[in-house]
Amino acid sequence: MYKHILIPTDGSELSQKAIEAGVEFARESQARVTAFTAVPEYPLPSEAELMSRRMASHGRRGLSALVHGSQTHGVLTHSTIPTLVYR
């Protein structure tokens, strides 16, 4: 079904799971893989910093969801090709 899979990540330790799942999915689909790492031009506050200011909670809610979730939502909204999201 898929011939070429793009695996974009933010370089975090957590994204390693998505990379492994994407590579395995590509292997099963006999698809090519292109990896892409994107980082913001400014440093995002850590979850601990956000928690200490009571601006976010675990599970990507509040400000953290706004910062991180909006990227995935934007891709899904504007993509003109089949797009999978590994949660």
PDB file of N, CA and C in Angstrom:
ATOM      1  N   MET A   1       0.822  -1.189   0.000  1.00  0.00           N
ATOM      2  CA  MET A   1       0.000   0.000   0.000  1.00  0.00           C
ATOM      3  C   MET A   1       0.873   1.263   0.000  1.00  0.00           C
ATOM      4  N   TYR A   2       1.797   1.344   0.940  1.00  0.00           N
ATOM      5  CA  TYR A   2       2.699   2.497   1.000  1.00  0.00           C
ATOM      6  C   TYR A   2       4.011   2.144   0.325  1.00  0.00           C
ATOM      7  N   LYS A   3       4.525   3.068  -0.482  1.00  0.00           N
ATOM      8  CA  LYS A   3       5.784   2.843  -1.182  1.00  0.00           C
ATOM      9  C   LYS A   3       6.930   3.599  -0.527  1.00  0.00           C
ATOM     10  N   HIS A   4       6.609   4.686   0.107  1.00  0.00           N
ATOM     11  CA  HIS A   4       7.644   5.544   0.695  1.00  0.00           C
ATOM     12  C   HIS A   4       7.083   6.147   1.975  1.00  0.00           C
ATOM     13  N   ILE A   5       7.806   5.984   3.072  1.00  0.00           N
ATOM     14  CA  ILE A   5       7.344   6.467   4.368  1.00  0.00           C
ATOM     15  C   ILE A   5       8.308   7.515   4.902  1.00  0.00           C
ATOM     16  N   LEU A   6       7.775   8.672   5.228  1.00  0.00           N
ATOM     17  CA  LEU A   6       8.539   9.744   5.848  1.00  0.00           C
ATOM     18  C   LEU A   6       8.345   9.632   7.349  1.00  0.00           C
ATOM     19  N   ILE A   7       9.443   9.615   8.086  1.00  0.00           N
ATOM     20  CA  ILE A   7       9.366   9.531   9.544  1.00  0.00           C
ATOM     21  C   ILE A   7       9.971  10.819  10.115  1.00  0.00           C
ATOM     22  N   PRO A   8       9.109  11.823  10.372  1.00  0.00           N
ATOM     23  CA  PRO A   8       9.610  13.064  10.960  1.00  0.00           C
ATOM     24  C   PRO A   8       9.595  12.963  12.485  1.00  0.00           C
ATOM     25  N   THR A   9      10.643  13.433  13.127  1.00  0.00           N
ATOM     26  CA  THR A   9      10.709  13.413  14.585  1.00  0.00           C
ATOM     27  C   THR A   9      11.294  14.726  15.076  1.00  0.00           C
ATOM     28  N   ASP A  10      11.192  14.910  16.383  1.00  0.00           N
ATOM     29  CA  ASP A  10      11.767  16.106  16.992  1.00  0.00           C
ATOM     30  C   ASP A  10      13.095  15.812  17.679  1.00  0.00           C
ATOM     31  N   GLY A  11      13.599  14.593  17.513  1.00  0.00           N
ATOM     32  CA  GLY A  11      14.880  14.233  18.096  1.00  0.00           C
ATOM     33  C   GLY A  11      14.817  13.845  19.560  1.00  0.00           C
ATOM     34  N   SER A  12      13.628  13.781  20.136  1.00  0.00           N
ATOM     35  CA  SER A  12      13.494  13.447  21.551  1.00  0.00           C
ATOM     36  C   SER A  12      13.645  11.946  21.759  1.00  0.00           C
ATOM     37  N   GLU A  13      13.874  11.561  23.019  1.00  0.00           N
ATOM     38  CA  GLU A  13      13.967  10.141  23.346  1.00  0.00           C
ATOM     39  C   GLU A  13      12.643   9.441  23.062  1.00  0.00           C
ATOM     40  N   LEU A  14      11.545  10.114  23.342  1.00  0.00           N
ATOM     41  CA  LEU A  14      10.229   9.527  23.114  1.00  0.00           C
ATOM     42  C   LEU A  14       9.988   9.235  21.636  1.00  0.00           C
ATOM     43  N   SER A  15      10.531  10.065  20.757  1.00  0.00           N
ATOM     44  CA  SER A  15      10.315   9.854  19.324  1.00  0.00           C
ATOM     45  C   SER A  15      11.001   8.590  18.820  1.00  0.00           C
ATOM     46  N   GLN A  16      11.922   8.048  19.603  1.00  0.00           N
ATOM     47  CA  GLN A  16      12.602   6.817  19.209  1.00  0.00           C
ATOM     48  C   GLN A  16      11.599   5.678  18.999  1.00  0.00           C
ATOM     49  N   LYS A  17      10.543   5.635  19.812  1.00  0.00           N
ATOM     50  CA  LYS A  17       9.504   4.610  19.649  1.00  0.00           C
ATOM     51  C   LYS A  17       8.812   4.749  18.293  1.00  0.00           C
ATOM     52  N   ALA A  18       8.533   5.978  17.908  1.00  0.00           N
ATOM     53  CA  ALA A  18       7.884   6.214  16.618  1.00  0.00           C
ATOM     54  C   ALA A  18       8.805   5.822  15.466  1.00  0.00           C
ATOM     55  N   ILE A  19      10.097   6.090  15.628  1.00  0.00           N
ATOM     56  CA  ILE A  19      11.062   5.713  14.592  1.00  0.00           C
ATOM     57  C   ILE A  19      11.079   4.195  14.432  1.00  0.00           C
ATOM     58  N   GLU A  20      11.181   3.486  15.552  1.00  0.00           N
ATOM     59  CA  GLU A  20      11.220   2.020  15.500  1.00  0.00           C
ATOM     60  C   GLU A  20       9.947   1.456  14.883  1.00  0.00           C
ATOM     61  N   ALA A  21       8.797   1.997  15.268  1.00  0.00           N
ATOM     62  CA  ALA A  21       7.526   1.524  14.710  1.00  0.00           C
ATOM     63  C   ALA A  21       7.436   1.845  13.223  1.00  0.00           C
ATOM     64  N   GLY A  22       7.885   3.021  12.831  1.00  0.00           N
ATOM     65  CA  GLY A  22       7.844   3.404  11.421  1.00  0.00           C
ATOM     66  C   GLY A  22       8.740   2.546  10.551  1.00  0.00           C
ATOM     67  N   VAL A  23       9.929   2.241  11.044  1.00  0.00           N
ATOM     68  CA  VAL A  23      10.856   1.390  10.292  1.00  0.00           C
ATOM     69  C   VAL A  23      10.288  -0.018  10.170  1.00  0.00           C
ATOM     70  N   GLU A  24       9.716  -0.533  11.246  1.00  0.00           N
ATOM     71  CA  GLU A  24       9.114  -1.867  11.197  1.00  0.00           C
ATOM     72  C   GLU A  24       7.934  -1.893  10.218  1.00  0.00           C
ATOM     73  N   PHE A  25       7.101  -0.853  10.253  1.00  0.00           N
ATOM     74  CA  PHE A  25       5.970  -0.783   9.328  1.00  0.00           C
ATOM     75  C   PHE A  25       6.464  -0.727   7.885  1.00  0.00           C
ATOM     76  N   ALA A  26       7.512   0.043   7.643  1.00  0.00           N
ATOM     77  CA  ALA A  26       8.077   0.132   6.297  1.00  0.00           C
ATOM     78  C   ALA A  26       8.637  -1.214   5.844  1.00  0.00           C
ATOM     79  N   ARG A  27       9.295  -1.904   6.762  1.00  0.00           N
ATOM     80  CA  ARG A  27       9.849  -3.218   6.440  1.00  0.00           C
ATOM     81  C   ARG A  27       8.719  -4.176   6.034  1.00  0.00           C
ATOM     82  N   GLU A  28       7.639  -4.182   6.807  1.00  0.00           N
ATOM     83  CA  GLU A  28       6.512  -5.057   6.505  1.00  0.00           C
ATOM     84  C   GLU A  28       5.824  -4.676   5.197  1.00  0.00           C
ATOM     85  N   SER A  29       5.832  -3.381   4.883  1.00  0.00           N
ATOM     86  CA  SER A  29       5.183  -2.885   3.666  1.00  0.00           C
ATOM     87  C   SER A  29       6.119  -2.877   2.469  1.00  0.00           C
ATOM     88  N   GLN A  30       7.380  -3.227   2.703  1.00  0.00           N
ATOM     89  CA  GLN A  30       8.419  -3.163   1.669  1.00  0.00           C
ATOM     90  C   GLN A  30       8.498  -1.762   1.076  1.00  0.00           C
ATOM     91  N   ALA A  31       8.463  -0.775   1.961  1.00  0.00           N
ATOM     92  CA  ALA A  31       8.506   0.627   1.540  1.00  0.00           C
ATOM     93  C   ALA A  31       9.868   1.242   1.879  1.00  0.00           C
ATOM     94  N   ARG A  32      10.205   2.279   1.170  1.00  0.00           N
ATOM     95  CA  ARG A  32      11.408   3.052   1.478  1.00  0.00           C
ATOM     96  C   ARG A  32      11.124   3.950   2.670  1.00  0.00           C
ATOM     97  N   VAL A  33      12.175   4.343   3.376  1.00  0.00           N
ATOM     98  CA  VAL A  33      12.032   5.222   4.531  1.00  0.00           C
ATOM     99  C   VAL A  33      12.913   6.448   4.342  1.00  0.00           C
ATOM    100  N   THR A  34      12.351   7.598   4.641  1.00  0.00           N
ATOM    101  CA  THR A  34      13.115   8.833   4.735  1.00  0.00           C
ATOM    102  C   THR A  34      12.900   9.382   6.134  1.00  0.00           C
ATOM    103  N   ALA A  35      13.992   9.608   6.845  1.00  0.00           N
ATOM    104  CA  ALA A  35      13.911  10.159   8.195  1.00  0.00           C
ATOM    105  C   ALA A  35      14.150  11.662   8.128  1.00  0.00           C
ATOM    106  N   PHE A  36      13.457  12.391   8.995  1.00  0.00           N
ATOM    107  CA  PHE A  36      13.556  13.848   9.022  1.00  0.00           C
ATOM    108  C   PHE A  36      13.457  14.298  10.471  1.00  0.00           C
ATOM    109  N   THR A  37      14.414  15.087  10.913  1.00  0.00           N
ATOM    110  CA  THR A  37      14.376  15.624  12.267  1.00  0.00           C
ATOM    111  C   THR A  37      14.146  17.125  12.191  1.00  0.00           C
ATOM    112  N   ALA A  38      13.137  17.576  12.896  1.00  0.00           N
ATOM    113  CA  ALA A  38      12.805  19.002  12.926  1.00  0.00           C
ATOM    114  C   ALA A  38      12.857  19.489  14.369  1.00  0.00           C
ATOM    115  N   VAL A  39      13.495  20.608  14.580  1.00  0.00           N
ATOM    116  CA  VAL A  39      13.541  21.220  15.910  1.00  0.00           C
ATOM    117  C   VAL A  39      13.172  22.691  15.765  1.00  0.00           C
ATOM    118  N   PRO A  40      12.506  23.235  16.762  1.00  0.00           N
ATOM    119  CA  PRO A  40      12.129  24.648  16.682  1.00  0.00           C
ATOM    120  C   PRO A  40      13.359  25.544  16.769  1.00  0.00           C
ATOM    121  N   GLU A  41      13.206  26.762  16.282  1.00  0.00           N
ATOM    122  CA  GLU A  41      14.305  27.726  16.324  1.00  0.00           C
ATOM    123  C   GLU A  41      14.562  28.222  17.735  1.00  0.00           C
ATOM    124  N   TYR A  42      13.614  28.047  18.600  1.00  0.00           N
ATOM    125  CA  TYR A  42      13.751  28.470  19.986  1.00  0.00           C
ATOM    126  C   TYR A  42      13.562  27.243  20.884  1.00  0.00           C
ATOM    127  N   PRO A  43      14.202  27.214  22.029  1.00  0.00           N
ATOM    128  CA  PRO A  43      14.042  26.053  22.909  1.00  0.00           C
ATOM    129  C   PRO A  43      12.668  26.045  23.576  1.00  0.00           C
ATOM    130  N   LEU A  44      11.990  24.928  23.486  1.00  0.00           N
ATOM    131  CA  LEU A  44      10.709  24.773  24.168  1.00  0.00           C
ATOM    132  C   LEU A  44      10.963  24.507  25.638  1.00  0.00           C
ATOM    133  N   PRO A  45      10.119  25.014  26.510  1.00  0.00           N
ATOM    134  CA  PRO A  45      10.296  24.707  27.929  1.00  0.00           C
ATOM    135  C   PRO A  45      10.065  23.222  28.172  1.00  0.00           C
ATOM    136  N   SER A  46      10.808  22.674  29.114  1.00  0.00           N
ATOM    137  CA  SER A  46      10.627  21.259  29.446  1.00  0.00           C
ATOM    138  C   SER A  46       9.300  21.075  30.163  1.00  0.00           C
ATOM    139  N   GLU A  47       8.849  19.840  30.222  1.00  0.00           N
ATOM    140  CA  GLU A  47       7.592  19.559  30.914  1.00  0.00           C
ATOM    141  C   GLU A  47       7.722  19.924  32.390  1.00  0.00           C
ATOM    142  N   ALA A  48       8.907  19.697  32.952  1.00  0.00           N
ATOM    143  CA  ALA A  48       9.116  20.041  34.363  1.00  0.00           C
ATOM    144  C   ALA A  48       8.974  21.550  34.580  1.00  0.00           C
ATOM    145  N   GLU A  49       9.497  22.344  33.648  1.00  0.00           N
ATOM    146  CA  GLU A  49       9.350  23.799  33.764  1.00  0.00           C
ATOM    147  C   GLU A  49       7.891  24.214  33.668  1.00  0.00           C
ATOM    148  N   LEU A  50       7.176  23.589  32.759  1.00  0.00           N
ATOM    149  CA  LEU A  50       5.765  23.911  32.611  1.00  0.00           C
ATOM    150  C   LEU A  50       4.974  23.507  33.850  1.00  0.00           C
ATOM    151  N   MET A  51       5.301  22.317  34.380  1.00  0.00           N
ATOM    152  CA  MET A  51       4.592  21.835  35.561  1.00  0.00           C
ATOM    153  C   MET A  51       4.854  22.742  36.770  1.00  0.00           C
ATOM    154  N   SER A  52       6.078  23.238  36.884  1.00  0.00           N
ATOM    155  CA  SER A  52       6.401  24.083  38.029  1.00  0.00           C
ATOM    156  C   SER A  52       5.646  25.409  37.974  1.00  0.00           C
ATOM    157  N   ARG A  53       5.219  25.802  36.802  1.00  0.00           N
ATOM    158  CA  ARG A  53       4.447  27.038  36.628  1.00  0.00           C
ATOM    159  C   ARG A  53       2.948  26.759  36.586  1.00  0.00           C
ATOM    160  N   ARG A  54       2.535  25.477  36.768  1.00  0.00           N
ATOM    161  CA  ARG A  54       1.136  25.043  36.693  1.00  0.00           C
ATOM    162  C   ARG A  54       0.495  25.410  35.368  1.00  0.00           C
ATOM    163  N   MET A  55       1.243  25.275  34.273  1.00  0.00           N
ATOM    164  CA  MET A  55       0.706  25.622  32.957  1.00  0.00           C
ATOM    165  C   MET A  55       0.345  24.395  32.145  1.00  0.00           C
ATOM    166  N   ALA A  56       0.675  23.198  32.593  1.00  0.00           N
ATOM    167  CA  ALA A  56       0.368  21.998  31.814  1.00  0.00           C
ATOM    168  C   ALA A  56       0.329  20.804  32.744  1.00  0.00           C
ATOM    169  N   SER A  57      -0.160  19.688  32.226  1.00  0.00           N
ATOM    170  CA  SER A  57      -0.173  18.457  33.005  1.00  0.00           C
ATOM    171  C   SER A  57       0.269  17.314  32.117  1.00  0.00           C
ATOM    172  N   HIS A  58       0.394  16.132  32.681  1.00  0.00           N
ATOM    173  CA  HIS A  58       0.794  14.967  31.905  1.00  0.00           C
ATOM    174  C   HIS A  58      -0.275  14.646  30.869  1.00  0.00           C
ATOM    175  N   GLY A  59       0.136  13.985  29.802  1.00  0.00           N
ATOM    176  CA  GLY A  59      -0.824  13.570  28.784  1.00  0.00           C
ATOM    177  C   GLY A  59      -1.053  14.621  27.715  1.00  0.00           C
ATOM    178  N   ARG A  60      -0.143  15.550  27.578  1.00  0.00           N
ATOM    179  CA  ARG A  60      -0.236  16.564  26.523  1.00  0.00           C
ATOM    180  C   ARG A  60      -1.533  17.345  26.569  1.00  0.00           C
ATOM    181  N   ARG A  61      -1.785  17.964  27.687  1.00  0.00           N
ATOM    182  CA  ARG A  61      -2.954  18.836  27.814  1.00  0.00           C
ATOM    183  C   ARG A  61      -2.457  20.249  28.039  1.00  0.00           C
ATOM    184  N   GLY A  62      -3.340  21.180  27.978  1.00  0.00           N
ATOM    185  CA  GLY A  62      -2.984  22.566  28.251  1.00  0.00           C
ATOM    186  C   GLY A  62      -1.983  23.115  27.258  1.00  0.00           C
ATOM    187  N   LEU A  63      -1.019  23.870  27.751  1.00  0.00           N
ATOM    188  CA  LEU A  63      -0.030  24.517  26.893  1.00  0.00           C
ATOM    189  C   LEU A  63       0.810  23.500  26.138  1.00  0.00           C
ATOM    190  N   SER A  64       1.158  22.404  26.794  1.00  0.00           N
ATOM    191  CA  SER A  64       1.962  21.375  26.141  1.00  0.00           C
ATOM    192  C   SER A  64       1.247  20.814  24.917  1.00  0.00           C
ATOM    193  N   ALA A  65      -0.049  20.569  25.022  1.00  0.00           N
ATOM    194  CA  ALA A  65      -0.823  20.075  23.880  1.00  0.00           C
ATOM    195  C   ALA A  65      -0.888  21.113  22.776  1.00  0.00           C
ATOM    196  N   LEU A  66      -1.005  22.359  23.158  1.00  0.00           N
ATOM    197  CA  LEU A  66      -1.052  23.429  22.170  1.00  0.00           C
ATOM    198  C   LEU A  66       0.246  23.494  21.373  1.00  0.00           C
ATOM    199  N   VAL A  67       1.361  23.390  22.066  1.00  0.00           N
ATOM    200  CA  VAL A  67       2.662  23.480  21.402  1.00  0.00           C
ATOM    201  C   VAL A  67       2.952  22.245  20.571  1.00  0.00           C
ATOM    202  N   HIS A  68       2.742  21.046  21.147  1.00  0.00           N
ATOM    203  CA  HIS A  68       3.114  19.819  20.463  1.00  0.00           C
ATOM    204  C   HIS A  68       2.009  19.275  19.576  1.00  0.00           C
ATOM    205  N   GLY A  69       0.785  19.274  20.045  1.00  0.00           N
ATOM    206  CA  GLY A  69      -0.314  18.692  19.294  1.00  0.00           C
ATOM    207  C   GLY A  69      -0.674  19.460  18.043  1.00  0.00           C
ATOM    208  N   SER A  70      -0.426  20.749  18.044  1.00  0.00           N
ATOM    209  CA  SER A  70      -0.808  21.559  16.891  1.00  0.00           C
ATOM    210  C   SER A  70      -0.003  21.196  15.649  1.00  0.00           C
ATOM    211  N   GLN A  71       1.223  20.697  15.815  1.00  0.00           N
ATOM    212  CA  GLN A  71       2.032  20.313  14.660  1.00  0.00           C
ATOM    213  C   GLN A  71       1.413  19.112  13.949  1.00  0.00           C
ATOM    214  N   THR A  72       1.052  18.098  14.702  1.00  0.00           N
ATOM    215  CA  THR A  72       0.433  16.913  14.112  1.00  0.00           C
ATOM    216  C   THR A  72      -0.910  17.266  13.486  1.00  0.00           C
ATOM    217  N   HIS A  73      -1.696  18.045  14.198  1.00  0.00           N
ATOM    218  CA  HIS A  73      -2.999  18.457  13.671  1.00  0.00           C
ATOM    219  C   HIS A  73      -2.827  19.218  12.359  1.00  0.00           C
ATOM    220  N   GLY A  74      -1.842  20.091  12.295  1.00  0.00           N
ATOM    221  CA  GLY A  74      -1.594  20.859  11.077  1.00  0.00           C
ATOM    222  C   GLY A  74      -1.220  19.970   9.905  1.00  0.00           C
ATOM    223  N   VAL A  75      -0.385  18.967  10.157  1.00  0.00           N
ATOM    224  CA  VAL A  75       0.002  18.040   9.094  1.00  0.00           C
ATOM    225  C   VAL A  75      -1.212  17.279   8.589  1.00  0.00           C
ATOM    226  N   LEU A  76      -2.009  16.741   9.516  1.00  0.00           N
ATOM    227  CA  LEU A  76      -3.193  15.985   9.111  1.00  0.00           C
ATOM    228  C   LEU A  76      -4.204  16.841   8.375  1.00  0.00           C
ATOM    229  N   THR A  77      -4.345  18.073   8.778  1.00  0.00           N
ATOM    230  CA  THR A  77      -5.304  18.979   8.156  1.00  0.00           C
ATOM    231  C   THR A  77      -4.908  19.352   6.735  1.00  0.00           C
ATOM    232  N   HIS A  78      -3.616  19.541   6.495  1.00  0.00           N
ATOM    233  CA  HIS A  78      -3.157  20.059   5.206  1.00  0.00           C
ATOM    234  C   HIS A  78      -2.557  19.012   4.273  1.00  0.00           C
ATOM    235  N   SER A  79      -2.412  17.782   4.738  1.00  0.00           N
ATOM    236  CA  SER A  79      -1.803  16.754   3.901  1.00  0.00           C
ATOM    237  C   SER A  79      -2.716  16.372   2.748  1.00  0.00           C
ATOM    238  N   THR A  80      -2.119  16.225   1.588  1.00  0.00           N
ATOM    239  CA  THR A  80      -2.879  15.797   0.403  1.00  0.00           C
ATOM    240  C   THR A  80      -2.570  14.342   0.062  1.00  0.00           C
ATOM    241  N   ILE A  81      -1.766  13.684   0.903  1.00  0.00           N
ATOM    242  CA  ILE A  81      -1.417  12.288   0.696  1.00  0.00           C
ATOM    243  C   ILE A  81      -1.797  11.480   1.939  1.00  0.00           C
ATOM    244  N   PRO A  82      -1.921  10.153   1.837  1.00  0.00           N
ATOM    245  CA  PRO A  82      -2.248   9.348   3.015  1.00  0.00           C
ATOM    246  C   PRO A  82      -1.244   9.591   4.135  1.00  0.00           C
ATOM    247  N   THR A  83      -1.736   9.808   5.337  1.00  0.00           N
ATOM    248  CA  THR A  83      -0.874  10.149   6.472  1.00  0.00           C
ATOM    249  C   THR A  83      -1.251   9.289   7.675  1.00  0.00           C
ATOM    250  N   LEU A  84      -0.247   8.668   8.284  1.00  0.00           N
ATOM    251  CA  LEU A  84      -0.437   7.888   9.504  1.00  0.00           C
ATOM    252  C   LEU A  84       0.232   8.617  10.653  1.00  0.00           C
ATOM    253  N   VAL A  85      -0.349   8.513  11.827  1.00  0.00           N
ATOM    254  CA  VAL A  85       0.248   9.097  13.023  1.00  0.00           C
ATOM    255  C   VAL A  85       0.445   7.981  14.029  1.00  0.00           C
ATOM    256  N   TYR A  86       1.666   7.835  14.525  1.00  0.00           N
ATOM    257  CA  TYR A  86       1.947   6.834  15.556  1.00  0.00           C
ATOM    258  C   TYR A  86       1.824   7.512  16.897  1.00  0.00           C
ATOM    259  N   ARG A  87       0.905   7.024  17.702  1.00  0.00           N
ATOM    260  CA  ARG A  87       0.656   7.657  19.002  1.00  0.00           C
ATOM    261  C   ARG A  87       1.446   6.983  20.090  1.00  0.00           C
TER     262      ARG A  87
END
